[in-house]
Protein backbone atom coordinates (compact mmCIF):
# COMPACT_ATOMS: atom_id res chain seq x y z
CA MET A 1 0.00 0.00 0.00
CA LYS A 2 2.82 2.37 0.86
CA ILE A 3 4.51 1.65 -2.47
CA LYS A 4 1.26 2.34 -4.33
CA ARG A 5 0.82 5.61 -2.45
CA LEU A 6 4.40 6.62 -3.19
CA LEU A 7 3.96 5.82 -6.87
CA THR A 8 0.77 7.89 -6.95
CA LEU A 9 2.52 10.81 -5.28
CA ALA A 10 5.42 10.48 -7.68
CA CYS A 11 3.08 10.52 -10.68
CA VAL A 12 1.27 13.55 -9.33
CA GLY A 13 4.59 15.27 -8.75
CA VAL A 14 5.75 14.54 -12.29
CA LEU A 15 2.47 15.84 -13.71
CA LEU A 16 2.80 19.02 -11.65
CA ILE A 17 6.35 19.51 -12.88
CA ILE A 18 5.23 19.00 -16.49
CA ALA A 19 2.32 21.41 -16.00
CA ALA A 20 4.58 24.02 -14.44
CA ALA A 21 7.16 23.63 -17.20
CA GLY A 22 4.41 23.93 -19.82
CA TYR A 23 3.04 27.07 -18.19
CA LEU A 24 6.49 28.66 -17.99
CA HIS A 25 7.26 27.81 -21.62
CA PHE A 26 3.97 28.77 -23.23
CA PHE A 27 2.91 31.68 -21.00
CA GLN A 28 6.09 33.12 -19.50
CA SER A 29 8.87 32.17 -21.91
CA ARG A 30 9.79 34.85 -24.45
CA PRO A 31 12.53 33.43 -26.68
CA ILE A 32 14.26 36.12 -28.73
CA GLY A 33 15.84 33.97 -31.41
CA THR A 34 18.68 34.91 -33.72
CA GLY A 35 19.15 35.99 -37.30
CA PRO A 36 17.04 38.18 -39.59
CA ALA A 37 13.51 39.19 -38.66
CA GLY A 38 10.70 40.51 -40.78
CA PRO A 39 9.98 40.48 -44.52
CA GLN A 40 12.45 40.00 -47.34
CA VAL A 41 13.64 43.13 -49.15
CA PRO A 42 14.37 42.35 -52.82
CA SER A 43 17.91 43.13 -53.97
CA THR A 44 16.56 44.40 -57.30
CA VAL A 45 15.11 47.41 -55.50
CA PHE A 46 18.67 48.62 -54.84
CA SER A 47 20.21 47.69 -58.17
CA ARG A 48 20.41 51.37 -59.11
CA PRO A 49 19.84 54.73 -57.36
CA TRP A 50 16.26 55.92 -56.98
CA SER A 51 17.14 59.58 -57.49
CA GLU A 52 20.12 61.92 -57.79
CA LYS A 53 18.32 64.73 -55.95
CA GLN A 54 19.20 66.07 -52.51
CA PHE A 55 17.35 64.39 -49.63
CA LEU A 56 17.18 64.86 -45.87
CA LEU A 57 16.03 61.95 -43.70
CA VAL A 58 14.47 63.15 -40.43
CA GLY A 59 13.51 60.96 -37.48
CA LEU A 60 10.68 62.22 -35.28
CA GLY A 61 8.77 60.81 -32.36
CA ASP A 62 9.40 58.52 -29.44
CA SER A 63 11.80 55.81 -28.29
CA VAL A 64 11.01 53.48 -31.21
CA THR A 65 12.54 55.99 -33.62
CA ALA A 66 15.18 57.03 -31.07
CA GLY A 67 16.24 53.37 -30.98
CA PHE A 68 15.95 52.70 -27.25
CA GLY A 69 17.16 49.19 -26.47
CA ALA A 70 19.40 48.81 -29.53
CA ARG A 71 23.15 49.16 -29.81
CA HIS A 72 24.45 52.20 -31.64
CA GLY A 73 24.00 51.54 -35.34
CA TYR A 74 21.30 48.89 -34.88
CA SER A 75 18.14 50.94 -34.45
CA TYR A 76 15.71 50.98 -37.34
CA PHE A 77 16.68 54.60 -38.13
CA ASP A 78 20.41 53.81 -38.20
CA ARG A 79 19.84 50.72 -40.33
CA LEU A 80 17.68 52.67 -42.76
CA VAL A 81 20.61 54.99 -43.40
CA THR A 82 23.37 52.41 -43.72
CA ASN A 83 24.15 48.77 -43.03
CA PRO A 84 25.71 48.06 -39.62
CA PRO A 85 29.04 46.18 -39.36
CA GLU A 86 27.32 42.88 -38.46
CA GLU A 87 24.69 43.09 -41.18
CA PHE A 88 22.68 40.06 -42.23
CA GLU A 89 23.67 38.69 -45.62
CA ASP A 90 20.21 39.24 -47.07
CA MET A 91 20.37 42.99 -46.30
CA ARG A 92 23.89 43.92 -47.38
CA GLY A 93 23.77 46.89 -49.75
CA ARG A 94 20.09 47.58 -49.00
CA CYS A 95 19.89 50.97 -47.34
CA LEU A 96 19.00 54.56 -48.19
CA GLN A 97 22.59 55.68 -48.71
CA ILE A 98 22.74 53.22 -51.60
CA ALA A 99 19.35 54.21 -53.04
CA LEU A 100 19.76 57.96 -52.47
CA PRO A 101 23.45 58.85 -52.84
CA HIS A 102 22.88 62.53 -51.90
CA LEU A 103 21.26 61.80 -48.54
CA LYS A 104 21.77 63.63 -45.28
CA PHE A 105 20.06 62.66 -42.03
CA THR A 106 19.18 63.77 -38.50
CA ASN A 107 17.24 62.01 -35.76
CA LEU A 108 15.19 64.27 -33.48
CA ALA A 109 13.23 61.51 -31.73
CA VAL A 110 13.18 61.51 -27.91
CA SER A 111 12.67 58.41 -25.79
CA GLY A 112 9.64 58.57 -23.50
CA SER A 113 7.99 61.42 -25.37
CA THR A 114 4.26 61.68 -26.09
CA SER A 115 2.37 63.05 -29.07
CA SER A 116 1.85 66.39 -27.31
CA GLU A 117 5.61 66.71 -26.88
CA HIS A 118 6.12 65.78 -30.52
CA VAL A 119 4.17 68.88 -31.49
CA ALA A 120 6.69 70.96 -29.54
CA HIS A 121 9.63 69.07 -31.08
CA LEU A 122 8.66 70.31 -34.54
CA SER A 123 10.28 73.64 -33.68
CA LYS A 124 13.61 71.79 -34.05
CA LEU A 125 13.02 70.81 -37.67
CA PRO A 126 16.10 71.83 -39.66
CA ASP A 127 15.86 74.44 -42.37
CA VAL A 128 16.84 73.21 -45.80
CA GLY A 129 17.22 74.70 -49.24
CA SER A 130 14.58 74.69 -51.92
CA ASN A 131 16.31 71.79 -53.67
CA THR A 132 16.17 69.32 -50.74
CA ILE A 133 13.30 66.87 -50.34
CA ALA A 134 12.54 65.74 -46.78
CA LEU A 135 11.86 62.12 -45.91
CA VAL A 136 10.38 61.95 -42.42
CA VAL A 137 10.06 58.72 -40.41
CA MET A 138 7.83 59.01 -37.39
CA THR A 139 6.47 56.98 -34.48
CA THR A 140 3.98 58.74 -32.23
CA GLY A 141 1.16 57.91 -29.83
CA GLY A 142 2.53 54.78 -28.23
CA ASN A 143 3.54 56.48 -24.99
CA ASP A 144 0.15 58.20 -24.83
CA LEU A 145 -1.27 54.70 -24.43
CA ILE A 146 1.15 52.87 -22.15
CA HIS A 147 2.11 55.61 -19.69
CA ASN A 148 1.97 55.60 -16.69
CA TYR A 149 1.54 51.83 -16.61
CA GLY A 150 -1.52 52.16 -14.38
CA LYS A 151 0.43 53.81 -11.57
CA THR A 152 -1.48 57.09 -11.86
CA PRO A 153 -5.08 57.91 -12.78
CA PRO A 154 -5.47 57.93 -16.57
CA ARG A 155 -5.23 61.24 -18.40
CA ASP A 156 -4.56 62.53 -21.89
CA GLY A 157 -0.98 61.55 -22.70
CA ALA A 158 -0.83 58.83 -20.01
CA MET A 159 -4.06 56.92 -20.45
CA PHE A 160 -3.19 53.38 -19.39
CA GLY A 161 -6.20 51.92 -17.59
CA ALA A 162 -8.72 54.37 -19.03
CA THR A 163 -12.24 53.35 -19.94
CA TRP A 164 -13.43 53.97 -23.48
CA ASP A 165 -15.64 56.83 -22.28
CA GLN A 166 -12.65 58.49 -20.64
CA ALA A 167 -10.37 57.93 -23.62
CA ALA A 168 -12.72 58.93 -26.47
CA PRO A 169 -12.03 62.70 -26.21
CA TRP A 170 -8.29 62.00 -25.89
CA VAL A 171 -8.41 59.98 -29.11
CA THR A 172 -10.04 63.00 -30.75
CA ASN A 173 -7.24 65.19 -29.38
CA PHE A 174 -4.67 62.83 -30.87
CA ASP A 175 -6.46 63.02 -34.21
CA LYS A 176 -6.22 66.83 -34.18
CA ARG A 177 -2.58 66.79 -33.03
CA LEU A 178 -1.53 64.34 -35.71
CA GLU A 179 -3.32 66.30 -38.43
CA GLY A 180 -1.64 69.49 -37.26
CA MET A 181 1.79 67.83 -37.15
CA VAL A 182 1.74 66.36 -40.66
CA ASN A 183 0.57 69.66 -42.12
CA GLN A 184 3.24 71.60 -40.22
CA ILE A 185 5.96 69.18 -41.32
CA ASN A 186 4.83 69.33 -44.93
CA GLY A 187 4.71 73.13 -44.86
CA HIS A 188 8.19 73.41 -43.37
CA PHE A 189 10.03 71.94 -46.36
CA PRO A 190 9.86 74.09 -49.52
CA ALA A 191 10.73 71.23 -51.89
CA GLY A 192 8.10 69.00 -50.29
CA CYS A 193 8.33 65.95 -48.11
CA HIS A 194 7.16 62.40 -47.64
CA ILE A 195 6.14 61.32 -44.15
CA PHE A 196 6.44 57.63 -43.32
CA LEU A 197 4.20 57.13 -40.31
CA ALA A 198 4.32 53.89 -38.34
CA ASN A 199 1.29 52.66 -36.46
CA ILE A 200 1.47 51.43 -32.86
CA ILE A 201 2.70 47.97 -31.86
CA ASP A 202 0.85 45.80 -29.35
CA PRO A 203 2.94 43.46 -27.14
CA THR A 204 -0.21 41.52 -26.15
CA ASP A 205 -0.59 40.25 -29.74
CA GLY A 206 -4.10 41.67 -29.96
CA MET A 207 -5.28 39.84 -26.82
CA GLY A 208 -5.29 42.84 -24.49
CA ASP A 209 -4.20 40.73 -21.50
CA THR A 210 -1.73 43.23 -20.10
CA GLU A 211 -1.79 41.43 -16.75
CA LEU A 212 0.16 38.55 -18.37
CA ALA A 213 2.91 41.08 -19.03
CA GLY A 214 3.03 42.14 -15.40
CA LEU A 215 0.87 45.24 -15.79
CA PRO A 216 -2.59 45.92 -14.37
CA ALA A 217 -5.53 44.60 -16.36
CA TRP A 218 -6.92 47.09 -18.91
CA LYS A 219 -10.41 46.15 -20.04
CA ASP A 220 -10.74 48.71 -22.84
CA GLY A 221 -7.08 48.77 -23.82
CA GLU A 222 -7.42 46.98 -27.16
CA GLN A 223 -10.29 49.23 -28.24
CA ILE A 224 -8.25 52.33 -27.44
CA VAL A 225 -5.11 51.03 -29.19
CA ALA A 226 -7.27 50.25 -32.24
CA ALA A 227 -8.74 53.76 -32.14
CA TYR A 228 -5.27 55.35 -32.12
CA ASN A 229 -4.20 53.17 -35.04
CA GLU A 230 -7.36 54.10 -36.90
CA VAL A 231 -6.43 57.78 -36.48
CA ILE A 232 -3.04 57.01 -38.04
CA ARG A 233 -4.66 55.05 -40.89
CA ARG A 234 -7.09 57.89 -41.67
CA CYS A 235 -4.28 60.45 -41.63
CA ALA A 236 -2.30 58.47 -44.20
CA ALA A 237 -5.40 57.95 -46.34
CA LYS A 238 -6.15 61.67 -46.30
CA HIS A 239 -2.74 62.98 -47.41
CA SER A 240 -0.84 61.81 -50.48
CA PHE A 241 2.47 62.72 -48.81
CA VAL A 242 1.81 60.50 -45.76
CA HIS A 243 2.57 56.79 -46.07
CA ILE A 244 1.58 54.31 -43.38
CA VAL A 245 4.04 51.63 -42.26
CA ASP A 246 2.16 48.72 -40.70
CA VAL A 247 4.47 47.67 -37.88
CA HIS A 248 1.45 46.74 -35.77
CA GLY A 249 0.43 43.99 -38.17
CA ALA A 250 3.98 42.70 -38.56
CA PHE A 251 4.55 42.48 -34.79
CA ILE A 252 1.36 40.56 -34.02
CA GLY A 253 2.50 37.06 -33.05
CA HIS A 254 5.84 38.30 -31.74
CA GLY A 255 4.65 39.64 -28.39
CA ILE A 256 3.99 37.90 -25.10
CA HIS A 257 2.10 35.05 -26.83
CA CYS A 258 4.86 34.24 -29.33
CA ALA A 259 5.45 30.72 -27.95
CA GLN A 260 1.79 29.64 -28.04
CA PHE A 261 1.50 27.38 -31.08
CA TRP A 262 -2.29 27.28 -30.83
CA SER A 263 -2.61 31.05 -31.22
CA ALA A 264 -4.18 32.32 -34.45
CA HIS A 265 -1.18 34.63 -34.88
CA TYR A 266 1.53 32.04 -34.15
CA ASP A 267 4.48 32.41 -36.54
CA ALA A 268 5.95 28.92 -36.93
CA LYS A 269 8.84 30.28 -39.04
CA ASP A 270 9.87 32.77 -36.35
CA PRO A 271 8.12 32.04 -33.02
CA HIS A 272 10.13 34.65 -31.18
CA TYR A 273 9.76 37.80 -29.11
CA TRP A 274 10.54 41.08 -30.89
CA TYR A 275 10.26 43.35 -27.84
CA PHE A 276 12.85 44.74 -25.44
CA VAL A 277 12.85 44.00 -21.70
CA ASN A 278 10.75 47.11 -21.00
CA LEU A 279 7.86 45.60 -23.01
CA GLU A 280 6.99 48.71 -25.04
CA ASP A 281 10.03 49.00 -27.33
CA PRO A 282 11.47 46.57 -29.89
CA ASN A 283 14.61 44.53 -29.35
CA GLU A 284 17.26 44.47 -32.07
CA ARG A 285 15.45 41.78 -34.07
CA GLY A 286 12.32 43.92 -33.82
CA TYR A 287 14.25 46.92 -35.09
CA ASP A 288 15.50 44.81 -37.99
CA ALA A 289 11.89 44.00 -38.90
CA ILE A 290 10.86 47.66 -38.65
CA ARG A 291 13.79 48.73 -40.83
CA ARG A 292 12.65 46.28 -43.51
CA LEU A 293 9.05 47.48 -43.35
CA PHE A 294 10.12 51.09 -43.78
CA LEU A 295 12.48 50.23 -46.66
CA LEU A 296 9.71 48.39 -48.47
CA GLU A 297 7.42 51.40 -48.13
CA PHE A 298 10.22 53.71 -49.28
CA ALA A 299 10.76 51.49 -52.32
CA ARG A 300 7.04 51.40 -53.06
CA THR A 301 6.89 55.20 -53.21
CA ALA A 302 10.34 55.80 -54.74
CA ASN A 303 8.83 56.78 -58.10
CA GLN A 304 7.50 59.89 -56.34
CA PHE A 305 11.06 60.99 -55.45
CA GLN A 306 11.98 61.86 -59.03
């Protein structure tokens, strides 16, 4: 009888260990992986220069464009300009300095900044001559959503935890701010500009279960994130000089549920986490993916650079 009881206890113990290991792997494990991340960028796109005109690449916005969490030279902005020393083989020679040989660049993005602060940052836009076309890459709105991580009552610019009723007027404010920013940017550059505007990534993979990421639960979070991204989509649809870069769609499946093979967004080819340790920013593989997405959108619109 004692042996039978011991065997039963041993079996229960093994099952508990297996269950715990499964929980840790599928719900807590966030493998980063190695190698390239994101879509392929065809080499033919860079077989010859897109234009011989003068261009200025400007980075605006928050930590995603500032490159928080990446080594120097490995942010998406840096990798847009030129290939880093340890470049992946499939991206060698695929950068804006190859496509636009008369390119200058400056990055004005500030980590931790909100869309209201981005309005103020536009005063730092550099003045250029009438023969220089501006190419602006921008990430905005993400910090409006995630700050202050539920530690303070929600407000415009730090709305984490807000109900939809609370957030609705703040979404409208964001809509007005974004419209004002793109018009101000466009008006600042006499030779014209193209604004490449990224939408907002979601580390919960569209599930909205922020508590699994160690943050307070946010019942209306997904609805509010979707509303912000809809503002960005409408802005790009309204202006011919604004081009949306769908980083949100590309990152779904690479957040906190990346290891869950039963998820509708599971990426069997790359079941890895593209976010940094702070949850809200990409890691270097994530920045690689963003760089590729921007380059593809640049290439798609390159005929407008002539």
